[in-house]
Protein backbone atom coordinates (compact mmCIF):
# COMPACT_ATOMS: atom_id res chain seq x y z
CA MET A 1 0.00 0.00 0.00
CA GLY A 2 2.60 2.51 -1.14
CA GLY A 3 1.99 6.23 -0.97
CA ALA A 4 -0.45 6.17 1.94
CA GLY A 5 1.94 8.03 4.29
CA LYS A 6 2.80 5.13 6.62
CA THR A 7 6.48 6.06 6.84
CA GLN A 8 5.75 9.73 7.52
CA LEU A 9 3.22 8.80 10.20
CA SER A 10 5.73 6.44 11.84
CA LEU A 11 8.48 9.07 11.74
CA GLU A 12 6.22 11.70 13.27
CA TYR A 13 5.27 9.28 16.05
CA CYS A 14 8.95 8.53 16.72
CA ILE A 15 9.80 12.23 16.86
CA ARG A 16 6.99 12.91 19.33
CA MET A 17 7.90 9.96 21.52
CA LYS A 18 11.57 10.97 21.52
CA ASP A 19 10.61 14.49 22.59
CA SER A 20 8.34 13.14 25.33
CA ARG A 21 11.14 10.89 26.67
CA ARG A 22 8.60 8.11 27.23
CA PHE A 23 10.87 5.48 25.68
CA ARG A 24 14.48 4.56 26.28
CA ALA A 25 15.08 3.85 22.59
CA ILE A 26 13.27 3.66 19.28
CA PHE A 27 14.60 1.30 16.61
CA TRP A 28 13.55 1.37 12.97
CA LEU A 29 13.65 -2.22 11.71
CA ASP A 30 13.36 -3.02 8.01
CA ALA A 31 11.43 -6.30 7.94
CA SER A 32 10.94 -6.47 4.18
CA SER A 33 13.01 -9.68 4.17
CA ARG A 34 14.83 -11.88 6.66
CA ASN A 35 18.20 -10.48 5.55
CA THR A 36 17.15 -6.85 5.95
CA LEU A 37 15.58 -7.58 9.34
CA TYR A 38 18.77 -9.24 10.56
CA GLY A 39 20.77 -6.31 9.19
CA SER A 40 18.54 -3.91 11.11
CA MET A 41 18.96 -6.01 14.24
CA GLU A 42 22.75 -5.89 13.82
CA THR A 43 22.56 -2.09 13.59
CA ALA A 44 20.44 -2.01 16.76
CA ALA A 45 22.92 -4.32 18.52
CA LYS A 46 25.79 -1.98 17.62
CA GLN A 47 23.84 0.95 19.06
CA LEU A 48 23.06 -0.96 22.25
CA LEU A 49 26.64 -2.22 22.75
CA PRO A 50 28.98 -0.28 20.46
CA ASP A 51 32.17 -1.99 21.70
CA ARG A 52 30.88 -5.52 21.18
CA VAL A 53 31.92 -7.56 18.13
CA PHE A 54 29.42 -10.10 16.85
CA ASP A 55 30.40 -13.40 15.29
CA ASP A 56 27.30 -13.47 13.10
CA SER A 57 23.88 -11.90 12.69
CA GLU A 58 22.24 -14.59 14.86
CA ALA A 59 24.38 -13.43 17.81
CA ALA A 60 23.32 -9.83 17.22
CA VAL A 61 19.63 -10.79 17.04
CA THR A 62 19.91 -12.79 20.27
CA LEU A 63 21.63 -9.90 22.01
CA VAL A 64 18.97 -7.40 20.94
CA LYS A 65 16.17 -9.68 22.10
CA ASP A 66 17.90 -10.30 25.44
CA VAL A 67 18.65 -6.63 26.10
CA LEU A 68 15.20 -5.37 25.11
CA SER A 69 13.38 -8.08 27.07
CA SER A 70 15.28 -7.01 30.20
CA TRP A 71 14.06 -3.41 29.95
CA SER A 72 11.05 -2.57 32.07
CA GLU A 73 10.07 0.56 30.11
CA PRO A 74 7.56 0.38 27.24
CA MET A 75 9.03 -0.05 23.76
CA ALA A 76 7.99 1.37 20.43
CA THR A 77 9.02 -0.58 17.38
CA SER A 78 8.36 0.30 13.78
CA PHE A 79 8.45 -2.33 11.08
CA ARG A 80 8.61 -1.39 7.42
């Protein structure tokens, strides 16, 4: 459903939530394919732990899931 303004709406929501400081982090994950989702998760992992080196994308995905599941604050996630 291209051209309906989904991306702009999501971006506006993220901007407002960032300004309100209601969330610890907002990650934009491209889930158009498994490879792009894993790439997005690797990017999120590098933001969460910048000094950590990951052996593979599976390790990055596991880390992101573990870190985010340990947070008690609400999370906003946008999938494209």
